[in-house]
Each structure stands twice: as structure tokens, then as C-alpha cells.
Amino acid sequence: MRCRLLCFWVGTALLGSACLGPPRPFSPLAEAAGRNDVAAMKAMLAAAPLTRADDPHGLLIWAARNGAADAIVFLASLGVDVNELDGGGNRWTPLQHAVHKEQSAAVRALLENGADPSLTDHPGAIIQGRLACSSWRPTAWTRRW
């Protein structure tokens, strides 16, 4: 609880937005996206279509941070922008979140669905630079860009 309160305070007071945990409020749809349960996502969306109020971009970021490749492909097929910057202080794309969390499957799914690795974040860093400074050694398919 203390961590959540601190995260909320830092996110809202200093950055002007919520921290990048699961989309708020934490919904069953966000839970399914984070655990890569596309069948559950499809069932929920059959009952009620995806709207801006559901924060589709937040769902995509949550899936990227959790390595949920199938959820990423599904959300991209619904038209969620894989290159949209988040509202946090760093202004990261879902691809930058996946690289930060070392989620190879998510990185691959995002690249295959049109993610642009040349986009920069708020400090101006590109993903290649983040990889060069990281201890993570991605596989050969990530080196193609």
C-alpha cells in the first residue's frame, strides 16, 4: 500500500500523470492483457467494444512491459498505435517499455507490428542507445535495426 501511495504521489505531483503500472483503474481487461490471455480479452471485448475510456494505449504498454506478445498482436490488430508515446515523464513508446523490461517476445511482436525503433524518448535517447548501455543482450533479430 505504501508503495502504491508513493507511486501515485510521485506520478501525479511530479510528473503530472499516473505511474506506469497497470492501466487505472486496474480492470479485468488490463489483467488479461498483462497475462497474455487473448481469449479472455476477446470475450470481454465481445461484450463491450474497446473505447478510449479503456485506455487502449495503456493496455498495450502493460502488455509490452509483461512480455505479452499475443496481447500486443491482438491490440495492434484492433488499431492501437504501437508508436504512441506514453503520458509519463519519459514519454516512452511501448517498444521502449519492452526493451527496458527486457521482454524479447514483446520487442519482436512490436517490431513485427510496425513499431519504430528510431523514435526518441523525452531525454532524446533512442532504443539502440539504451540497448548499448544495457546488460541485456538481445537476440540477432533485434540487431536488424
N, C-alpha and C. Protein backbone atom coordinates (compact mmCIF):
# COMPACT_ATOMS: atom_id res chain seq x y z
N MET A 1 0.83 -1.19 0.00
CA MET A 1 0.00 0.00 0.00
C MET A 1 0.87 1.26 0.00
N ARG A 2 1.93 1.26 0.83
CA ARG A 2 2.81 2.42 0.89
C ARG A 2 3.45 2.68 -0.47
N CYS A 3 3.86 1.59 -1.17
CA CYS A 3 4.47 1.73 -2.49
C CYS A 3 3.47 2.35 -3.48
N ARG A 4 2.21 1.90 -3.43
CA ARG A 4 1.21 2.45 -4.34
C ARG A 4 0.96 3.93 -4.06
N LEU A 5 0.91 4.29 -2.80
CA LEU A 5 0.70 5.70 -2.47
C LEU A 5 1.87 6.55 -2.95
N LEU A 6 3.09 6.06 -2.75
CA LEU A 6 4.27 6.78 -3.20
C LEU A 6 4.27 6.90 -4.72
N CYS A 7 3.95 5.80 -5.40
CA CYS A 7 3.90 5.81 -6.85
C CYS A 7 2.86 6.81 -7.33
N PHE A 8 1.69 6.83 -6.73
CA PHE A 8 0.65 7.77 -7.12
C PHE A 8 1.10 9.20 -6.87
N TRP A 9 1.71 9.46 -5.72
CA TRP A 9 2.14 10.82 -5.40
C TRP A 9 3.22 11.29 -6.36
N VAL A 10 4.23 10.46 -6.59
CA VAL A 10 5.31 10.85 -7.50
C VAL A 10 4.75 11.05 -8.90
N GLY A 11 3.91 10.12 -9.34
CA GLY A 11 3.36 10.21 -10.69
C GLY A 11 2.49 11.43 -10.90
N THR A 12 1.65 11.75 -9.94
CA THR A 12 0.73 12.86 -10.15
C THR A 12 1.35 14.20 -9.77
N ALA A 13 2.10 14.24 -8.70
CA ALA A 13 2.63 15.52 -8.24
C ALA A 13 3.85 15.97 -9.04
N LEU A 14 4.75 15.04 -9.35
CA LEU A 14 5.97 15.44 -10.03
C LEU A 14 5.89 15.32 -11.54
N LEU A 15 5.24 14.28 -12.02
CA LEU A 15 5.21 14.05 -13.46
C LEU A 15 3.92 14.52 -14.11
N GLY A 16 2.90 14.74 -13.31
CA GLY A 16 1.64 15.18 -13.87
C GLY A 16 0.81 14.05 -14.45
N SER A 17 1.18 12.81 -14.17
CA SER A 17 0.40 11.68 -14.66
C SER A 17 0.58 10.52 -13.71
N ALA A 18 -0.21 9.49 -13.91
CA ALA A 18 -0.10 8.31 -13.06
C ALA A 18 1.15 7.53 -13.42
N CYS A 19 1.67 6.76 -12.48
CA CYS A 19 2.83 5.91 -12.74
C CYS A 19 2.43 4.80 -13.72
N LEU A 20 3.44 4.19 -14.30
CA LEU A 20 3.15 3.20 -15.32
C LEU A 20 3.04 1.81 -14.75
N GLY A 21 2.06 1.61 -13.93
CA GLY A 21 1.66 0.29 -13.54
C GLY A 21 0.57 -0.12 -14.50
N PRO A 22 -0.29 -1.02 -14.11
CA PRO A 22 -1.40 -1.38 -14.99
C PRO A 22 -2.31 -0.18 -15.20
N PRO A 23 -3.03 -0.17 -16.33
CA PRO A 23 -3.94 0.94 -16.58
C PRO A 23 -4.91 1.12 -15.40
N ARG A 24 -5.17 2.34 -15.04
CA ARG A 24 -6.04 2.65 -13.90
C ARG A 24 -7.43 2.97 -14.39
N PRO A 25 -8.48 2.53 -13.75
CA PRO A 25 -8.42 1.54 -12.67
C PRO A 25 -8.05 0.17 -13.24
N PHE A 26 -7.43 -0.66 -12.42
CA PHE A 26 -6.99 -1.97 -12.88
C PHE A 26 -8.22 -2.79 -13.21
N SER A 27 -8.39 -3.08 -14.47
CA SER A 27 -9.59 -3.76 -14.93
C SER A 27 -9.30 -5.21 -15.28
N PRO A 28 -10.36 -6.01 -15.42
CA PRO A 28 -10.15 -7.38 -15.89
C PRO A 28 -9.50 -7.42 -17.27
N LEU A 29 -9.79 -6.42 -18.11
CA LEU A 29 -9.17 -6.37 -19.43
C LEU A 29 -7.66 -6.13 -19.31
N ALA A 30 -7.25 -5.24 -18.42
CA ALA A 30 -5.83 -4.98 -18.20
C ALA A 30 -5.14 -6.22 -17.62
N GLU A 31 -5.83 -6.90 -16.72
CA GLU A 31 -5.27 -8.12 -16.14
C GLU A 31 -5.06 -9.17 -17.22
N ALA A 32 -6.02 -9.33 -18.12
CA ALA A 32 -5.89 -10.30 -19.21
C ALA A 32 -4.77 -9.91 -20.16
N ALA A 33 -4.62 -8.62 -20.46
CA ALA A 33 -3.54 -8.16 -21.34
C ALA A 33 -2.19 -8.44 -20.72
N GLY A 34 -2.04 -8.21 -19.44
CA GLY A 34 -0.78 -8.43 -18.75
C GLY A 34 -0.37 -9.88 -18.67
N ARG A 35 -1.35 -10.77 -18.64
CA ARG A 35 -1.01 -12.20 -18.55
C ARG A 35 -1.10 -12.90 -19.91
N ASN A 36 -1.26 -12.10 -20.99
CA ASN A 36 -1.24 -12.61 -22.36
C ASN A 36 -2.42 -13.52 -22.66
N ASP A 37 -3.57 -13.25 -22.07
CA ASP A 37 -4.77 -14.07 -22.23
C ASP A 37 -5.68 -13.44 -23.29
N VAL A 38 -5.36 -13.70 -24.55
CA VAL A 38 -6.11 -13.10 -25.65
C VAL A 38 -7.55 -13.62 -25.70
N ALA A 39 -7.76 -14.88 -25.35
CA ALA A 39 -9.12 -15.43 -25.35
C ALA A 39 -10.01 -14.64 -24.39
N ALA A 40 -9.50 -14.34 -23.21
CA ALA A 40 -10.28 -13.57 -22.24
C ALA A 40 -10.50 -12.14 -22.75
N MET A 41 -9.47 -11.56 -23.39
CA MET A 41 -9.62 -10.22 -23.94
C MET A 41 -10.70 -10.19 -25.01
N LYS A 42 -10.71 -11.19 -25.89
CA LYS A 42 -11.72 -11.26 -26.95
C LYS A 42 -13.12 -11.41 -26.36
N ALA A 43 -13.25 -12.24 -25.32
CA ALA A 43 -14.56 -12.43 -24.69
C ALA A 43 -15.05 -11.12 -24.06
N MET A 44 -14.18 -10.40 -23.39
CA MET A 44 -14.57 -9.14 -22.76
C MET A 44 -14.93 -8.10 -23.81
N LEU A 45 -14.17 -8.06 -24.90
CA LEU A 45 -14.43 -7.06 -25.94
C LEU A 45 -15.65 -7.42 -26.78
N ALA A 46 -16.03 -8.71 -26.80
CA ALA A 46 -17.27 -9.09 -27.49
C ALA A 46 -18.48 -8.55 -26.73
N ALA A 47 -18.35 -8.48 -25.41
CA ALA A 47 -19.44 -7.96 -24.57
C ALA A 47 -19.51 -6.44 -24.63
N ALA A 48 -18.36 -5.79 -24.71
CA ALA A 48 -18.31 -4.32 -24.77
C ALA A 48 -17.09 -3.93 -25.58
N PRO A 49 -17.26 -3.17 -26.67
CA PRO A 49 -16.11 -2.81 -27.51
C PRO A 49 -15.09 -1.93 -26.80
N LEU A 50 -13.87 -1.97 -27.29
CA LEU A 50 -12.77 -1.17 -26.75
C LEU A 50 -13.03 0.30 -27.04
N THR A 51 -12.95 1.11 -26.01
CA THR A 51 -13.16 2.56 -26.17
C THR A 51 -11.94 3.30 -25.64
N ARG A 52 -11.88 4.58 -25.89
CA ARG A 52 -10.77 5.40 -25.38
C ARG A 52 -10.77 5.39 -23.85
N ALA A 53 -11.95 5.25 -23.25
CA ALA A 53 -12.03 5.20 -21.79
C ALA A 53 -11.31 3.97 -21.23
N ASP A 54 -11.20 2.92 -22.03
CA ASP A 54 -10.48 1.72 -21.60
C ASP A 54 -8.97 1.92 -21.64
N ASP A 55 -8.51 3.04 -22.18
CA ASP A 55 -7.09 3.35 -22.35
C ASP A 55 -6.38 2.24 -23.13
N PRO A 56 -6.73 2.10 -24.43
CA PRO A 56 -6.10 1.04 -25.21
C PRO A 56 -4.58 1.14 -25.26
N HIS A 57 -4.05 2.35 -25.27
CA HIS A 57 -2.59 2.50 -25.29
C HIS A 57 -1.98 2.02 -23.97
N GLY A 58 -2.65 2.29 -22.86
CA GLY A 58 -2.19 1.80 -21.57
C GLY A 58 -2.17 0.28 -21.53
N LEU A 59 -3.18 -0.34 -22.17
CA LEU A 59 -3.20 -1.81 -22.24
C LEU A 59 -2.01 -2.32 -23.04
N LEU A 60 -1.68 -1.62 -24.13
CA LEU A 60 -0.54 -2.03 -24.96
C LEU A 60 0.77 -1.91 -24.19
N ILE A 61 0.93 -0.83 -23.47
CA ILE A 61 2.15 -0.65 -22.66
C ILE A 61 2.23 -1.74 -21.59
N TRP A 62 1.12 -2.02 -20.94
CA TRP A 62 1.09 -3.05 -19.89
C TRP A 62 1.46 -4.41 -20.48
N ALA A 63 0.95 -4.72 -21.67
CA ALA A 63 1.30 -5.97 -22.33
C ALA A 63 2.79 -5.99 -22.69
N ALA A 64 3.32 -4.87 -23.18
CA ALA A 64 4.74 -4.79 -23.55
C ALA A 64 5.63 -4.99 -22.34
N ARG A 65 5.30 -4.37 -21.22
CA ARG A 65 6.11 -4.48 -20.01
C ARG A 65 6.09 -5.90 -19.42
N ASN A 66 5.04 -6.66 -19.75
CA ASN A 66 4.91 -8.02 -19.23
C ASN A 66 5.28 -9.09 -20.24
N GLY A 67 5.73 -8.69 -21.42
CA GLY A 67 6.14 -9.66 -22.43
C GLY A 67 4.98 -10.41 -23.06
N ALA A 68 3.81 -9.82 -23.07
CA ALA A 68 2.59 -10.46 -23.57
C ALA A 68 2.47 -10.26 -25.08
N ALA A 69 3.24 -11.04 -25.83
CA ALA A 69 3.33 -10.86 -27.28
C ALA A 69 2.00 -11.07 -27.99
N ASP A 70 1.24 -12.08 -27.60
CA ASP A 70 -0.04 -12.33 -28.26
C ASP A 70 -1.02 -11.19 -28.01
N ALA A 71 -1.00 -10.63 -26.81
CA ALA A 71 -1.87 -9.49 -26.50
C ALA A 71 -1.45 -8.27 -27.32
N ILE A 72 -0.16 -8.11 -27.55
CA ILE A 72 0.33 -6.99 -28.36
C ILE A 72 -0.18 -7.12 -29.79
N VAL A 73 -0.06 -8.31 -30.35
CA VAL A 73 -0.52 -8.54 -31.73
C VAL A 73 -2.03 -8.29 -31.81
N PHE A 74 -2.76 -8.77 -30.82
CA PHE A 74 -4.21 -8.58 -30.80
C PHE A 74 -4.58 -7.10 -30.71
N LEU A 75 -3.95 -6.37 -29.81
CA LEU A 75 -4.25 -4.94 -29.66
C LEU A 75 -3.86 -4.16 -30.92
N ALA A 76 -2.74 -4.52 -31.53
CA ALA A 76 -2.33 -3.86 -32.77
C ALA A 76 -3.35 -4.13 -33.88
N SER A 77 -3.91 -5.34 -33.90
CA SER A 77 -4.91 -5.67 -34.92
C SER A 77 -6.19 -4.87 -34.73
N LEU A 78 -6.42 -4.38 -33.52
CA LEU A 78 -7.59 -3.54 -33.25
C LEU A 78 -7.32 -2.07 -33.60
N GLY A 79 -6.09 -1.77 -34.01
CA GLY A 79 -5.76 -0.41 -34.41
C GLY A 79 -5.10 0.44 -33.35
N VAL A 80 -4.68 -0.17 -32.24
CA VAL A 80 -3.97 0.59 -31.21
C VAL A 80 -2.60 0.97 -31.76
N ASP A 81 -2.24 2.24 -31.65
CA ASP A 81 -0.99 2.77 -32.21
C ASP A 81 0.22 2.26 -31.42
N VAL A 82 1.07 1.47 -32.08
CA VAL A 82 2.24 0.90 -31.41
C VAL A 82 3.36 1.92 -31.24
N ASN A 83 3.21 3.11 -31.80
CA ASN A 83 4.24 4.14 -31.69
C ASN A 83 3.81 5.33 -30.84
N GLU A 84 2.65 5.28 -30.24
CA GLU A 84 2.18 6.39 -29.42
C GLU A 84 3.03 6.51 -28.16
N LEU A 85 3.40 7.73 -27.81
CA LEU A 85 4.19 7.97 -26.60
C LEU A 85 3.28 7.93 -25.38
N ASP A 86 3.81 7.41 -24.27
CA ASP A 86 3.02 7.39 -23.05
C ASP A 86 2.97 8.78 -22.42
N GLY A 87 2.14 8.93 -21.43
CA GLY A 87 1.98 10.22 -20.77
C GLY A 87 2.91 10.43 -19.60
N GLY A 88 3.82 9.51 -19.35
CA GLY A 88 4.74 9.62 -18.22
C GLY A 88 5.86 10.61 -18.50
N GLY A 89 6.72 10.77 -17.54
CA GLY A 89 7.81 11.73 -17.65
C GLY A 89 8.82 11.43 -18.74
N ASN A 90 9.01 10.14 -19.06
CA ASN A 90 9.98 9.78 -20.09
C ASN A 90 9.42 9.83 -21.50
N ARG A 91 8.09 9.78 -21.63
CA ARG A 91 7.43 9.78 -22.95
C ARG A 91 7.94 8.62 -23.81
N TRP A 92 7.83 7.41 -23.28
CA TRP A 92 8.30 6.21 -23.97
C TRP A 92 7.22 5.63 -24.86
N THR A 93 7.66 4.90 -25.89
CA THR A 93 6.77 4.09 -26.71
C THR A 93 6.65 2.72 -26.06
N PRO A 94 5.67 1.91 -26.48
CA PRO A 94 5.61 0.54 -25.96
C PRO A 94 6.90 -0.23 -26.21
N LEU A 95 7.56 0.02 -27.34
CA LEU A 95 8.82 -0.66 -27.64
C LEU A 95 9.89 -0.31 -26.60
N GLN A 96 9.96 0.94 -26.21
CA GLN A 96 10.93 1.34 -25.19
C GLN A 96 10.62 0.69 -23.84
N HIS A 97 9.34 0.55 -23.52
CA HIS A 97 8.97 -0.15 -22.28
C HIS A 97 9.40 -1.61 -22.34
N ALA A 98 9.18 -2.27 -23.48
CA ALA A 98 9.55 -3.67 -23.62
C ALA A 98 11.06 -3.85 -23.52
N VAL A 99 11.82 -2.96 -24.14
CA VAL A 99 13.29 -3.02 -24.05
C VAL A 99 13.73 -2.80 -22.61
N HIS A 100 13.14 -1.81 -21.94
CA HIS A 100 13.50 -1.52 -20.55
C HIS A 100 13.27 -2.72 -19.65
N LYS A 101 12.20 -3.45 -19.90
CA LYS A 101 11.88 -4.63 -19.08
C LYS A 101 12.48 -5.92 -19.63
N GLU A 102 13.29 -5.81 -20.69
CA GLU A 102 13.98 -6.95 -21.28
C GLU A 102 13.02 -8.06 -21.71
N GLN A 103 11.97 -7.67 -22.40
CA GLN A 103 10.94 -8.59 -22.84
C GLN A 103 11.11 -8.89 -24.34
N SER A 104 11.91 -9.89 -24.65
CA SER A 104 12.25 -10.22 -26.04
C SER A 104 11.02 -10.49 -26.90
N ALA A 105 10.08 -11.28 -26.39
CA ALA A 105 8.89 -11.62 -27.17
C ALA A 105 8.08 -10.37 -27.48
N ALA A 106 7.99 -9.46 -26.53
CA ALA A 106 7.25 -8.23 -26.75
C ALA A 106 7.95 -7.33 -27.76
N VAL A 107 9.27 -7.25 -27.67
CA VAL A 107 10.04 -6.45 -28.62
C VAL A 107 9.80 -6.97 -30.03
N ARG A 108 9.88 -8.26 -30.19
CA ARG A 108 9.68 -8.86 -31.51
C ARG A 108 8.26 -8.59 -32.02
N ALA A 109 7.25 -8.78 -31.18
CA ALA A 109 5.86 -8.54 -31.59
C ALA A 109 5.64 -7.09 -31.99
N LEU A 110 6.22 -6.17 -31.24
CA LEU A 110 6.06 -4.75 -31.56
C LEU A 110 6.74 -4.41 -32.88
N LEU A 111 7.96 -4.90 -33.09
CA LEU A 111 8.67 -4.64 -34.35
C LEU A 111 7.90 -5.22 -35.53
N GLU A 112 7.37 -6.41 -35.38
CA GLU A 112 6.63 -7.04 -36.47
C GLU A 112 5.28 -6.36 -36.74
N ASN A 113 4.83 -5.53 -35.81
CA ASN A 113 3.56 -4.83 -35.98
C ASN A 113 3.75 -3.33 -36.19
N GLY A 114 4.94 -2.94 -36.63
CA GLY A 114 5.16 -1.58 -37.07
C GLY A 114 5.79 -0.62 -36.08
N ALA A 115 6.29 -1.09 -34.96
CA ALA A 115 6.94 -0.19 -34.00
C ALA A 115 8.20 0.40 -34.63
N ASP A 116 8.40 1.69 -34.42
CA ASP A 116 9.54 2.40 -35.00
C ASP A 116 10.65 2.53 -33.95
N PRO A 117 11.77 1.81 -34.14
CA PRO A 117 12.85 1.85 -33.15
C PRO A 117 13.65 3.15 -33.17
N SER A 118 13.39 4.02 -34.14
CA SER A 118 14.16 5.27 -34.20
C SER A 118 13.52 6.41 -33.42
N LEU A 119 12.33 6.20 -32.86
CA LEU A 119 11.69 7.26 -32.08
C LEU A 119 12.48 7.50 -30.80
N THR A 120 12.54 8.75 -30.38
CA THR A 120 13.28 9.10 -29.16
C THR A 120 12.33 9.33 -28.01
N ASP A 121 12.86 9.19 -26.80
CA ASP A 121 12.08 9.48 -25.60
C ASP A 121 12.32 10.93 -25.19
N HIS A 122 11.80 11.33 -24.05
CA HIS A 122 11.93 12.72 -23.60
C HIS A 122 13.39 13.18 -23.49
N PRO A 123 14.29 12.38 -22.90
CA PRO A 123 15.69 12.84 -22.86
C PRO A 123 16.38 12.79 -24.23
N GLY A 124 15.73 12.22 -25.24
CA GLY A 124 16.31 12.17 -26.58
C GLY A 124 17.06 10.89 -26.89
N ALA A 125 16.96 9.89 -26.05
CA ALA A 125 17.66 8.63 -26.29
C ALA A 125 16.85 7.77 -27.25
N ILE A 126 17.54 7.04 -28.10
CA ILE A 126 16.87 6.09 -28.97
C ILE A 126 17.11 4.70 -28.42
N ILE A 127 16.33 3.75 -28.89
CA ILE A 127 16.38 2.40 -28.33
C ILE A 127 17.75 1.77 -28.53
N GLN A 128 18.39 2.00 -29.67
CA GLN A 128 19.71 1.40 -29.89
C GLN A 128 20.69 1.84 -28.81
N GLY A 129 20.62 3.10 -28.39
CA GLY A 129 21.48 3.60 -27.33
C GLY A 129 21.18 2.95 -26.00
N ARG A 130 19.89 2.74 -25.73
CA ARG A 130 19.51 2.07 -24.49
C ARG A 130 20.03 0.63 -24.47
N LEU A 131 19.97 -0.04 -25.62
CA LEU A 131 20.48 -1.41 -25.68
C LEU A 131 21.99 -1.43 -25.49
N ALA A 132 22.70 -0.45 -26.04
CA ALA A 132 24.16 -0.42 -25.91
C ALA A 132 24.59 -0.24 -24.46
N CYS A 133 23.77 0.47 -23.67
CA CYS A 133 24.10 0.71 -22.27
C CYS A 133 23.55 -0.36 -21.34
N SER A 134 22.82 -1.31 -21.89
CA SER A 134 22.15 -2.32 -21.08
C SER A 134 23.01 -3.56 -20.94
N SER A 135 22.78 -4.29 -19.86
CA SER A 135 23.44 -5.59 -19.70
C SER A 135 22.70 -6.67 -20.48
N TRP A 136 21.50 -6.34 -20.95
CA TRP A 136 20.70 -7.28 -21.71
C TRP A 136 21.29 -7.47 -23.09
N ARG A 137 21.43 -8.68 -23.53
CA ARG A 137 21.95 -8.97 -24.85
C ARG A 137 20.82 -9.55 -25.70
N PRO A 138 20.17 -8.70 -26.50
CA PRO A 138 19.06 -9.19 -27.31
C PRO A 138 19.54 -10.14 -28.39
N THR A 139 18.62 -10.90 -28.91
CA THR A 139 18.96 -11.87 -29.94
C THR A 139 19.18 -11.18 -31.28
N ALA A 140 19.61 -11.94 -32.26
CA ALA A 140 20.02 -11.38 -33.56
C ALA A 140 18.91 -10.60 -34.24
N TRP A 141 17.64 -11.00 -34.07
CA TRP A 141 16.57 -10.31 -34.79
C TRP A 141 16.40 -8.88 -34.34
N THR A 142 16.83 -8.52 -33.14
CA THR A 142 16.71 -7.14 -32.72
C THR A 142 17.84 -6.29 -33.29
N ARG A 143 18.91 -6.91 -33.75
CA ARG A 143 20.03 -6.15 -34.29
C ARG A 143 19.78 -5.67 -35.72
N ARG A 144 18.70 -6.11 -36.33
CA ARG A 144 18.45 -5.73 -37.73
C ARG A 144 18.15 -4.27 -37.89
N TRP A 145 17.77 -3.57 -36.83
CA TRP A 145 17.54 -2.14 -36.93
C TRP A 145 18.69 -1.43 -36.34
